[in-house]
Amino acid sequence: MKLTKNKKPIMAAEFDEYDVAEDIDDLADSVDELQDTVEEVDEDGVDIEIDNNIANHYIAECDLCHGIFISAMVETDQKVNSVTGICPLCDKESDQQLKWLIKSV
């Protein structure tokens, strides 16, 4: 018994120099636009607020995952020990114990 293999010719991928040149031109244009944007940011400066807007927010602990995060709850006249909501760490609804309060210095 003689075994034969299916032989197929090897074909080279079609190569078009025009497409490559066009892609290089597009890439060069994109780089130029990015450089212009970076220069504009450098000229204008970056405006960073010193106030980080977390003063008077509670630091909470999730009852399910025990993760600690900055709560959206802010200090009020009422005494609040916990809130119920979606934990940003485990994405589950849980009681969130309001443990500490962030005060500005």
PDB file of N, CA and C in Angstrom:
ATOM      1  N   MET A   1       0.847  -1.157   0.000  1.00  0.00           N
ATOM      2  CA  MET A   1       0.000   0.000   0.000  1.00  0.00           C
ATOM      3  C   MET A   1       0.904   1.235   0.000  1.00  0.00           C
ATOM      4  N   LYS A   2       0.607   2.151  -0.912  1.00  0.00           N
ATOM      5  CA  LYS A   2       1.409   3.359  -1.051  1.00  0.00           C
ATOM      6  C   LYS A   2       0.597   4.557  -0.564  1.00  0.00           C
ATOM      7  N   LEU A   3       1.186   5.349   0.353  1.00  0.00           N
ATOM      8  CA  LEU A   3       0.509   6.543   0.885  1.00  0.00           C
ATOM      9  C   LEU A   3       0.899   7.747   0.047  1.00  0.00           C
ATOM     10  N   THR A   4      -0.080   8.558  -0.306  1.00  0.00           N
ATOM     11  CA  THR A   4       0.203   9.779  -1.055  1.00  0.00           C
ATOM     12  C   THR A   4      -0.259  10.964  -0.224  1.00  0.00           C
ATOM     13  N   LYS A   5       0.462  12.016  -0.344  1.00  0.00           N
ATOM     14  CA  LYS A   5       0.099  13.244   0.383  1.00  0.00           C
ATOM     15  C   LYS A   5      -0.522  14.220  -0.585  1.00  0.00           C
ATOM     16  N   ASN A   6      -1.466  14.961  -0.081  1.00  0.00           N
ATOM     17  CA  ASN A   6      -2.060  16.015  -0.905  1.00  0.00           C
ATOM     18  C   ASN A   6      -1.067  17.167  -0.991  1.00  0.00           C
ATOM     19  N   LYS A   7      -0.606  17.433  -2.151  1.00  0.00           N
ATOM     20  CA  LYS A   7       0.343  18.528  -2.336  1.00  0.00           C
ATOM     21  C   LYS A   7      -0.392  19.718  -2.925  1.00  0.00           C
ATOM     22  N   LYS A   8      -0.149  20.873  -2.289  1.00  0.00           N
ATOM     23  CA  LYS A   8      -0.747  22.116  -2.768  1.00  0.00           C
ATOM     24  C   LYS A   8       0.371  23.108  -3.000  1.00  0.00           C
ATOM     25  N   PRO A   9       0.250  23.908  -4.011  1.00  0.00           N
ATOM     26  CA  PRO A   9       1.302  24.898  -4.256  1.00  0.00           C
ATOM     27  C   PRO A   9       1.299  25.965  -3.162  1.00  0.00           C
ATOM     28  N   ILE A  10       2.471  26.464  -2.838  1.00  0.00           N
ATOM     29  CA  ILE A  10       2.600  27.525  -1.841  1.00  0.00           C
ATOM     30  C   ILE A  10       2.452  28.849  -2.562  1.00  0.00           C
ATOM     31  N   MET A  11       1.539  29.646  -2.078  1.00  0.00           N
ATOM     32  CA  MET A  11       1.284  30.937  -2.704  1.00  0.00           C
ATOM     33  C   MET A  11       1.834  32.040  -1.796  1.00  0.00           C
ATOM     34  N   ALA A  12       2.458  33.023  -2.373  1.00  0.00           N
ATOM     35  CA  ALA A  12       2.958  34.173  -1.624  1.00  0.00           C
ATOM     36  C   ALA A  12       1.832  35.189  -1.479  1.00  0.00           C
ATOM     37  N   ALA A  13       1.854  35.900  -0.370  1.00  0.00           N
ATOM     38  CA  ALA A  13       0.858  36.946  -0.160  1.00  0.00           C
ATOM     39  C   ALA A  13       1.101  38.074  -1.155  1.00  0.00           C
ATOM     40  N   GLU A  14       0.017  38.653  -1.598  1.00  0.00           N
ATOM     41  CA  GLU A  14       0.143  39.757  -2.547  1.00  0.00           C
ATOM     42  C   GLU A  14       0.644  40.985  -1.803  1.00  0.00           C
ATOM     43  N   PHE A  15       1.590  41.673  -2.348  1.00  0.00           N
ATOM     44  CA  PHE A  15       2.213  42.814  -1.701  1.00  0.00           C
ATOM     45  C   PHE A  15       2.066  44.024  -2.604  1.00  0.00           C
ATOM     46  N   ASP A  16       1.459  45.059  -2.068  1.00  0.00           N
ATOM     47  CA  ASP A  16       1.255  46.268  -2.846  1.00  0.00           C
ATOM     48  C   ASP A  16       2.012  47.408  -2.171  1.00  0.00           C
ATOM     49  N   GLU A  17       3.040  47.900  -2.835  1.00  0.00           N
ATOM     50  CA  GLU A  17       3.864  48.958  -2.258  1.00  0.00           C
ATOM     51  C   GLU A  17       3.064  50.226  -2.007  1.00  0.00           C
ATOM     52  N   TYR A  18       2.057  50.490  -2.821  1.00  0.00           N
ATOM     53  CA  TYR A  18       1.253  51.707  -2.657  1.00  0.00           C
ATOM     54  C   TYR A  18       0.526  51.688  -1.315  1.00  0.00           C
ATOM     55  N   ASP A  19      -0.053  50.536  -0.942  1.00  0.00           N
ATOM     56  CA  ASP A  19      -0.763  50.432   0.337  1.00  0.00           C
ATOM     57  C   ASP A  19       0.178  50.689   1.505  1.00  0.00           C
ATOM     58  N   VAL A  20       1.394  50.165   1.429  1.00  0.00           N
ATOM     59  CA  VAL A  20       2.361  50.362   2.502  1.00  0.00           C
ATOM     60  C   VAL A  20       2.735  51.837   2.604  1.00  0.00           C
ATOM     61  N   ALA A  21       2.987  52.480   1.500  1.00  0.00           N
ATOM     62  CA  ALA A  21       3.341  53.901   1.501  1.00  0.00           C
ATOM     63  C   ALA A  21       2.188  54.738   2.055  1.00  0.00           C
ATOM     64  N   GLU A  22       0.981  54.381   1.693  1.00  0.00           N
ATOM     65  CA  GLU A  22      -0.193  55.108   2.177  1.00  0.00           C
ATOM     66  C   GLU A  22      -0.345  54.932   3.691  1.00  0.00           C
ATOM     67  N   ASP A  23      -0.112  53.717   4.191  1.00  0.00           N
ATOM     68  CA  ASP A  23      -0.187  53.466   5.629  1.00  0.00           C
ATOM     69  C   ASP A  23       0.878  54.254   6.385  1.00  0.00           C
ATOM     70  N   ILE A  24       2.076  54.343   5.819  1.00  0.00           N
ATOM     71  CA  ILE A  24       3.151  55.107   6.453  1.00  0.00           C
ATOM     72  C   ILE A  24       2.794  56.589   6.481  1.00  0.00           C
ATOM     73  N   ASP A  25       2.217  57.097   5.412  1.00  0.00           N
ATOM     74  CA  ASP A  25       1.790  58.504   5.377  1.00  0.00           C
ATOM     75  C   ASP A  25       0.715  58.769   6.433  1.00  0.00           C
ATOM     76  N   ASP A  26      -0.251  57.850   6.543  1.00  0.00           N
ATOM     77  CA  ASP A  26      -1.306  58.004   7.557  1.00  0.00           C
ATOM     78  C   ASP A  26      -0.713  58.002   8.959  1.00  0.00           C
ATOM     79  N   LEU A  27       0.243  57.119   9.201  1.00  0.00           N
ATOM     80  CA  LEU A  27       0.892  57.050  10.511  1.00  0.00           C
ATOM     81  C   LEU A  27       1.654  58.334  10.805  1.00  0.00           C
ATOM     82  N   ALA A  28       2.357  58.866   9.806  1.00  0.00           N
ATOM     83  CA  ALA A  28       3.101  60.115   9.987  1.00  0.00           C
ATOM     84  C   ALA A  28       2.152  61.265  10.305  1.00  0.00           C
ATOM     85  N   ASP A  29       1.004  61.309   9.640  1.00  0.00           N
ATOM     86  CA  ASP A  29       0.006  62.349   9.924  1.00  0.00           C
ATOM     87  C   ASP A  29      -0.508  62.227  11.353  1.00  0.00           C
ATOM     88  N   SER A  30      -0.771  61.012  11.798  1.00  0.00           N
ATOM     89  CA  SER A  30      -1.258  60.792  13.160  1.00  0.00           C
ATOM     90  C   SER A  30      -0.225  61.234  14.192  1.00  0.00           C
ATOM     91  N   VAL A  31       1.044  60.928  13.942  1.00  0.00           N
ATOM     92  CA  VAL A  31       2.115  61.341  14.856  1.00  0.00           C
ATOM     93  C   VAL A  31       2.206  62.858  14.902  1.00  0.00           C
ATOM     94  N   ASP A  32       2.109  63.526  13.761  1.00  0.00           N
ATOM     95  CA  ASP A  32       2.156  64.991  13.726  1.00  0.00           C
ATOM     96  C   ASP A  32       1.008  65.595  14.528  1.00  0.00           C
ATOM     97  N   GLU A  33      -0.190  65.048  14.382  1.00  0.00           N
ATOM     98  CA  GLU A  33      -1.344  65.550  15.133  1.00  0.00           C
ATOM     99  C   GLU A  33      -1.146  65.357  16.632  1.00  0.00           C
ATOM    100  N   LEU A  34      -0.609  64.216  17.017  1.00  0.00           N
ATOM    101  CA  LEU A  34      -0.359  63.946  18.426  1.00  0.00           C
ATOM    102  C   LEU A  34       0.679  64.909  18.986  1.00  0.00           C
ATOM    103  N   GLN A  35       1.729  65.180  18.227  1.00  0.00           N
ATOM    104  CA  GLN A  35       2.755  66.131  18.674  1.00  0.00           C
ATOM    105  C   GLN A  35       2.173  67.528  18.835  1.00  0.00           C
ATOM    106  N   ASP A  36       1.312  67.942  17.923  1.00  0.00           N
ATOM    107  CA  ASP A  36       0.663  69.248  18.032  1.00  0.00           C
ATOM    108  C   ASP A  36      -0.179  69.330  19.292  1.00  0.00           C
ATOM    109  N   THR A  37      -0.906  68.266  19.589  1.00  0.00           N
ATOM    110  CA  THR A  37      -1.751  68.236  20.786  1.00  0.00           C
ATOM    111  C   THR A  37      -0.901  68.339  22.042  1.00  0.00           C
ATOM    112  N   VAL A  38       0.196  67.599  22.096  1.00  0.00           N
ATOM    113  CA  VAL A  38       1.082  67.640  23.263  1.00  0.00           C
ATOM    114  C   VAL A  38       1.669  69.023  23.439  1.00  0.00           C
ATOM    115  N   GLU A  39       2.061  69.674  22.349  1.00  0.00           N
ATOM    116  CA  GLU A  39       2.616  71.023  22.429  1.00  0.00           C
ATOM    117  C   GLU A  39       1.582  72.006  22.951  1.00  0.00           C
ATOM    118  N   GLU A  40       0.317  71.857  22.532  1.00  0.00           N
ATOM    119  CA  GLU A  40      -0.749  72.737  23.017  1.00  0.00           C
ATOM    120  C   GLU A  40      -0.940  72.572  24.514  1.00  0.00           C
ATOM    121  N   VAL A  41      -0.899  71.342  25.004  1.00  0.00           N
ATOM    122  CA  VAL A  41      -1.064  71.105  26.442  1.00  0.00           C
ATOM    123  C   VAL A  41       0.104  71.714  27.197  1.00  0.00           C
ATOM    124  N   ASP A  42       1.326  71.578  26.667  1.00  0.00           N
ATOM    125  CA  ASP A  42       2.500  72.151  27.320  1.00  0.00           C
ATOM    126  C   ASP A  42       2.406  73.670  27.386  1.00  0.00           C
ATOM    127  N   GLU A  43       1.909  74.302  26.326  1.00  0.00           N
ATOM    128  CA  GLU A  43       1.803  75.758  26.296  1.00  0.00           C
ATOM    129  C   GLU A  43       0.750  76.258  27.278  1.00  0.00           C
ATOM    130  N   ASP A  44      -0.385  75.582  27.325  1.00  0.00           N
ATOM    131  CA  ASP A  44      -1.470  76.011  28.197  1.00  0.00           C
ATOM    132  C   ASP A  44      -1.234  75.623  29.643  1.00  0.00           C
ATOM    133  N   GLY A  45      -0.424  74.619  29.875  1.00  0.00           N
ATOM    134  CA  GLY A  45      -0.220  74.118  31.224  1.00  0.00           C
ATOM    135  C   GLY A  45      -1.391  73.234  31.627  1.00  0.00           C
ATOM    136  N   VAL A  46      -1.152  72.407  32.570  1.00  0.00           N
ATOM    137  CA  VAL A  46      -2.194  71.516  33.052  1.00  0.00           C
ATOM    138  C   VAL A  46      -2.789  72.130  34.301  1.00  0.00           C
ATOM    139  N   ASP A  47      -4.100  72.273  34.313  1.00  0.00           N
ATOM    140  CA  ASP A  47      -4.785  72.883  35.440  1.00  0.00           C
ATOM    141  C   ASP A  47      -5.219  71.789  36.407  1.00  0.00           C
ATOM    142  N   ILE A  48      -4.469  71.647  37.478  1.00  0.00           N
ATOM    143  CA  ILE A  48      -4.797  70.637  38.484  1.00  0.00           C
ATOM    144  C   ILE A  48      -5.370  71.357  39.691  1.00  0.00           C
ATOM    145  N   GLU A  49      -6.577  70.950  40.071  1.00  0.00           N
ATOM    146  CA  GLU A  49      -7.193  71.552  41.244  1.00  0.00           C
ATOM    147  C   GLU A  49      -6.512  71.035  42.495  1.00  0.00           C
ATOM    148  N   ILE A  50      -6.252  71.949  43.404  1.00  0.00           N
ATOM    149  CA  ILE A  50      -5.650  71.528  44.665  1.00  0.00           C
ATOM    150  C   ILE A  50      -6.709  70.872  45.538  1.00  0.00           C
ATOM    151  N   ASP A  51      -7.930  71.349  45.445  1.00  0.00           N
ATOM    152  CA  ASP A  51      -9.018  70.761  46.217  1.00  0.00           C
ATOM    153  C   ASP A  51      -9.440  69.464  45.539  1.00  0.00           C
ATOM    154  N   ASN A  52      -9.272  68.356  46.216  1.00  0.00           N
ATOM    155  CA  ASN A  52      -9.586  67.065  45.612  1.00  0.00           C
ATOM    156  C   ASN A  52     -11.023  66.611  45.880  1.00  0.00           C
ATOM    157  N   ASN A  53     -11.815  67.447  46.514  1.00  0.00           N
ATOM    158  CA  ASN A  53     -13.239  67.207  46.718  1.00  0.00           C
ATOM    159  C   ASN A  53     -13.559  65.965  47.536  1.00  0.00           C
ATOM    160  N   ILE A  54     -12.639  65.503  48.370  1.00  0.00           N
ATOM    161  CA  ILE A  54     -12.973  64.362  49.219  1.00  0.00           C
ATOM    162  C   ILE A  54     -13.092  64.760  50.684  1.00  0.00           C
ATOM    163  N   ALA A  55     -12.840  66.046  50.972  1.00  0.00           N
ATOM    164  CA  ALA A  55     -12.988  66.504  52.355  1.00  0.00           C
ATOM    165  C   ALA A  55     -14.434  66.300  52.803  1.00  0.00           C
ATOM    166  N   ASN A  56     -14.601  65.873  54.033  1.00  0.00           N
ATOM    167  CA  ASN A  56     -15.891  65.616  54.673  1.00  0.00           C
ATOM    168  C   ASN A  56     -16.609  64.386  54.103  1.00  0.00           C
ATOM    169  N   HIS A  57     -15.919  63.576  53.323  1.00  0.00           N
ATOM    170  CA  HIS A  57     -16.469  62.295  52.879  1.00  0.00           C
ATOM    171  C   HIS A  57     -16.043  61.220  53.870  1.00  0.00           C
ATOM    172  N   TYR A  58     -16.856  60.201  53.976  1.00  0.00           N
ATOM    173  CA  TYR A  58     -16.524  59.077  54.846  1.00  0.00           C
ATOM    174  C   TYR A  58     -15.672  58.057  54.105  1.00  0.00           C
ATOM    175  N   ILE A  59     -14.821  57.375  54.843  1.00  0.00           N
ATOM    176  CA  ILE A  59     -14.154  56.185  54.345  1.00  0.00           C
ATOM    177  C   ILE A  59     -14.985  55.021  54.867  1.00  0.00           C
ATOM    178  N   ALA A  60     -15.436  54.181  53.935  1.00  0.00           N
ATOM    179  CA  ALA A  60     -16.357  53.110  54.290  1.00  0.00           C
ATOM    180  C   ALA A  60     -15.699  51.748  54.112  1.00  0.00           C
ATOM    181  N   GLU A  61     -16.283  50.756  54.819  1.00  0.00           N
ATOM    182  CA  GLU A  61     -15.851  49.369  54.676  1.00  0.00           C
ATOM    183  C   GLU A  61     -17.059  48.538  54.276  1.00  0.00           C
ATOM    184  N   CYS A  62     -16.909  47.753  53.218  1.00  0.00           N
ATOM    185  CA  CYS A  62     -17.979  46.894  52.726  1.00  0.00           C
ATOM    186  C   CYS A  62     -18.139  45.696  53.659  1.00  0.00           C
ATOM    187  N   ASP A  63     -19.382  45.389  54.029  1.00  0.00           N
ATOM    188  CA  ASP A  63     -19.631  44.237  54.893  1.00  0.00           C
ATOM    189  C   ASP A  63     -19.367  42.906  54.193  1.00  0.00           C
ATOM    190  N   LEU A  64     -19.455  42.873  52.864  1.00  0.00           N
ATOM    191  CA  LEU A  64     -19.257  41.610  52.146  1.00  0.00           C
ATOM    192  C   LEU A  64     -17.783  41.324  51.851  1.00  0.00           C
ATOM    193  N   CYS A  65     -17.106  42.245  51.181  1.00  0.00           N
ATOM    194  CA  CYS A  65     -15.715  41.990  50.770  1.00  0.00           C
ATOM    195  C   CYS A  65     -14.696  42.597  51.736  1.00  0.00           C
ATOM    196  N   HIS A  66     -15.165  43.414  52.671  1.00  0.00           N
ATOM    197  CA  HIS A  66     -14.323  44.105  53.652  1.00  0.00           C
ATOM    198  C   HIS A  66     -13.316  45.054  53.007  1.00  0.00           C
ATOM    199  N   GLY A  67     -13.613  45.462  51.768  1.00  0.00           N
ATOM    200  CA  GLY A  67     -12.783  46.453  51.096  1.00  0.00           C
ATOM    201  C   GLY A  67     -13.044  47.836  51.673  1.00  0.00           C
ATOM    202  N   ILE A  68     -12.034  48.680  51.617  1.00  0.00           N
ATOM    203  CA  ILE A  68     -12.145  50.039  52.160  1.00  0.00           C
ATOM    204  C   ILE A  68     -12.053  51.021  50.990  1.00  0.00           C
ATOM    205  N   PHE A  69     -12.974  51.997  50.965  1.00  0.00           N
ATOM    206  CA  PHE A  69     -13.043  52.942  49.863  1.00  0.00           C
ATOM    207  C   PHE A  69     -13.620  54.261  50.354  1.00  0.00           C
ATOM    208  N   ILE A  70     -13.456  55.306  49.545  1.00  0.00           N
ATOM    209  CA  ILE A  70     -14.030  56.614  49.874  1.00  0.00           C
ATOM    210  C   ILE A  70     -15.491  56.586  49.469  1.00  0.00           C
ATOM    211  N   SER A  71     -16.364  56.832  50.415  1.00  0.00           N
ATOM    212  CA  SER A  71     -17.799  56.788  50.178  1.00  0.00           C
ATOM    213  C   SER A  71     -18.277  58.088  49.545  1.00  0.00           C
ATOM    214  N   ALA A  72     -19.405  58.016  48.874  1.00  0.00           N
ATOM    215  CA  ALA A  72     -20.035  59.221  48.336  1.00  0.00           C
ATOM    216  C   ALA A  72     -20.754  59.986  49.445  1.00  0.00           C
ATOM    217  N   MET A  73     -20.930  59.349  50.584  1.00  0.00           N
ATOM    218  CA  MET A  73     -21.623  59.951  51.725  1.00  0.00           C
ATOM    219  C   MET A  73     -20.750  61.036  52.358  1.00  0.00           C
ATOM    220  N   VAL A  74     -21.331  62.214  52.565  1.00  0.00           N
ATOM    221  CA  VAL A  74     -20.613  63.312  53.206  1.00  0.00           C
ATOM    222  C   VAL A  74     -21.144  63.521  54.613  1.00  0.00           C
ATOM    223  N   GLU A  75     -20.349  64.180  55.420  1.00  0.00           N
ATOM    224  CA  GLU A  75     -20.717  64.455  56.807  1.00  0.00           C
ATOM    225  C   GLU A  75     -21.963  65.348  56.854  1.00  0.00           C
ATOM    226  N   THR A  76     -22.888  64.998  57.705  1.00  0.00           N
ATOM    227  CA  THR A  76     -24.092  65.797  57.912  1.00  0.00           C
ATOM    228  C   THR A  76     -24.301  66.003  59.401  1.00  0.00           C
ATOM    229  N   ASP A  77     -25.368  66.708  59.751  1.00  0.00           N
ATOM    230  CA  ASP A  77     -25.706  66.903  61.158  1.00  0.00           C
ATOM    231  C   ASP A  77     -26.220  65.615  61.784  1.00  0.00           C
ATOM    232  N   GLN A  78     -26.716  64.709  60.975  1.00  0.00           N
ATOM    233  CA  GLN A  78     -27.254  63.451  61.484  1.00  0.00           C
ATOM    234  C   GLN A  78     -26.134  62.450  61.721  1.00  0.00           C
ATOM    235  N   LYS A  79     -26.309  61.611  62.711  1.00  0.00           N
ATOM    236  CA  LYS A  79     -25.340  60.564  63.009  1.00  0.00           C
ATOM    237  C   LYS A  79     -25.659  59.356  62.134  1.00  0.00           C
ATOM    238  N   VAL A  80     -24.744  59.006  61.229  1.00  0.00           N
ATOM    239  CA  VAL A  80     -24.945  57.889  60.311  1.00  0.00           C
ATOM    240  C   VAL A  80     -23.794  56.905  60.511  1.00  0.00           C
ATOM    241  N   ASN A  81     -24.136  55.640  60.808  1.00  0.00           N
ATOM    242  CA  ASN A  81     -23.108  54.615  61.009  1.00  0.00           C
ATOM    243  C   ASN A  81     -22.870  53.773  59.771  1.00  0.00           C
ATOM    244  N   SER A  82     -23.917  53.599  58.962  1.00  0.00           N
ATOM    245  CA  SER A  82     -23.773  52.776  57.759  1.00  0.00           C
ATOM    246  C   SER A  82     -24.804  53.195  56.723  1.00  0.00           C
ATOM    247  N   VAL A  83     -24.516  52.831  55.477  1.00  0.00           N
ATOM    248  CA  VAL A  83     -25.452  53.049  54.381  1.00  0.00           C
ATOM    249  C   VAL A  83     -25.502  51.759  53.573  1.00  0.00           C
ATOM    250  N   THR A  84     -26.545  51.609  52.788  1.00  0.00           N
ATOM    251  CA  THR A  84     -26.659  50.455  51.907  1.00  0.00           C
ATOM    252  C   THR A  84     -26.482  50.938  50.479  1.00  0.00           C
ATOM    253  N   GLY A  85     -25.656  50.231  49.727  1.00  0.00           N
ATOM    254  CA  GLY A  85     -25.413  50.614  48.347  1.00  0.00           C
ATOM    255  C   GLY A  85     -24.553  49.587  47.640  1.00  0.00           C
ATOM    256  N   ILE A  86     -24.213  49.893  46.397  1.00  0.00           N
ATOM    257  CA  ILE A  86     -23.361  49.009  45.601  1.00  0.00           C
ATOM    258  C   ILE A  86     -21.907  49.301  45.946  1.00  0.00           C
ATOM    259  N   CYS A  87     -21.186  48.283  46.364  1.00  0.00           N
ATOM    260  CA  CYS A  87     -19.769  48.436  46.693  1.00  0.00           C
ATOM    261  C   CYS A  87     -18.981  48.637  45.398  1.00  0.00           C
ATOM    262  N   PRO A  88     -18.135  49.673  45.327  1.00  0.00           N
ATOM    263  CA  PRO A  88     -17.356  49.896  44.108  1.00  0.00           C
ATOM    264  C   PRO A  88     -16.255  48.854  43.907  1.00  0.00           C
ATOM    265  N   LEU A  89     -15.971  48.059  44.920  1.00  0.00           N
ATOM    266  CA  LEU A  89     -14.906  47.068  44.812  1.00  0.00           C
ATOM    267  C   LEU A  89     -15.424  45.696  44.396  1.00  0.00           C
ATOM    268  N   CYS A  90     -16.521  45.243  45.011  1.00  0.00           N
ATOM    269  CA  CYS A  90     -17.034  43.904  44.669  1.00  0.00           C
ATOM    270  C   CYS A  90     -18.290  43.962  43.797  1.00  0.00           C
ATOM    271  N   ASP A  91     -18.823  45.156  43.552  1.00  0.00           N
ATOM    272  CA  ASP A  91     -20.007  45.358  42.700  1.00  0.00           C
ATOM    273  C   ASP A  91     -21.255  44.650  43.203  1.00  0.00           C
ATOM    274  N   LYS A  92     -21.364  44.474  44.515  1.00  0.00           N
ATOM    275  CA  LYS A  92     -22.553  43.838  45.091  1.00  0.00           C
ATOM    276  C   LYS A  92     -23.201  44.805  46.063  1.00  0.00           C
ATOM    277  N   GLU A  93     -24.510  44.690  46.196  1.00  0.00           N
ATOM    278  CA  GLU A  93     -25.207  45.541  47.153  1.00  0.00           C
ATOM    279  C   GLU A  93     -24.900  45.040  48.559  1.00  0.00           C
ATOM    280  N   SER A  94     -24.494  45.975  49.409  1.00  0.00           N
ATOM    281  CA  SER A  94     -24.115  45.591  50.769  1.00  0.00           C
ATOM    282  C   SER A  94     -24.289  46.777  51.701  1.00  0.00           C
ATOM    283  N   ASP A  95     -24.199  46.484  52.976  1.00  0.00           N
ATOM    284  CA  ASP A  95     -24.117  47.550  53.962  1.00  0.00           C
ATOM    285  C   ASP A  95     -22.682  48.043  53.977  1.00  0.00           C
ATOM    286  N   GLN A  96     -22.523  49.343  54.041  1.00  0.00           N
ATOM    287  CA  GLN A  96     -21.192  49.944  54.053  1.00  0.00           C
ATOM    288  C   GLN A  96     -21.039  50.706  55.369  1.00  0.00           C
ATOM    289  N   GLN A  97     -20.129  50.225  56.182  1.00  0.00           N
ATOM    290  CA  GLN A  97     -19.877  50.838  57.483  1.00  0.00           C
ATOM    291  C   GLN A  97     -19.029  52.092  57.289  1.00  0.00           C
ATOM    292  N   LEU A  98     -19.543  53.226  57.747  1.00  0.00           N
ATOM    293  CA  LEU A  98     -18.832  54.502  57.620  1.00  0.00           C
ATOM    294  C   LEU A  98     -17.873  54.604  58.801  1.00  0.00           C
ATOM    295  N   LYS A  99     -16.614  54.268  58.559  1.00  0.00           N
ATOM    296  CA  LYS A  99     -15.634  54.105  59.635  1.00  0.00           C
ATOM    297  C   LYS A  99     -14.934  55.412  60.016  1.00  0.00           C
ATOM    298  N   TRP A 100     -14.443  56.163  59.013  1.00  0.00           N
ATOM    299  CA  TRP A 100     -13.645  57.339  59.275  1.00  0.00           C
ATOM    300  C   TRP A 100     -14.140  58.505  58.433  1.00  0.00           C
ATOM    301  N   LEU A 101     -13.768  59.700  58.828  1.00  0.00           N
ATOM    302  CA  LEU A 101     -14.177  60.902  58.121  1.00  0.00           C
ATOM    303  C   LEU A 101     -12.917  61.642  57.652  1.00  0.00           C
ATOM    304  N   ILE A 102     -12.899  62.046  56.401  1.00  0.00           N
ATOM    305  CA  ILE A 102     -11.751  62.771  55.848  1.00  0.00           C
ATOM    306  C   ILE A 102     -11.926  64.249  56.146  1.00  0.00           C
ATOM    307  N   LYS A 103     -10.953  64.833  56.808  1.00  0.00           N
ATOM    308  CA  LYS A 103     -10.965  66.252  57.133  1.00  0.00           C
ATOM    309  C   LYS A 103      -9.818  66.945  56.407  1.00  0.00           C
ATOM    310  N   SER A 104     -10.056  68.132  55.897  1.00  0.00           N
ATOM    311  CA  SER A 104      -8.985  68.883  55.237  1.00  0.00           C
ATOM    312  C   SER A 104      -8.068  69.483  56.297  1.00  0.00           C
ATOM    313  N   VAL A 105      -6.809  69.623  55.951  1.00  0.00           N
ATOM    314  CA  VAL A 105      -5.838  70.151  56.915  1.00  0.00           C
ATOM    315  C   VAL A 105      -5.469  71.564  56.588  1.00  0.00           C
TER     316      VAL A 105
END
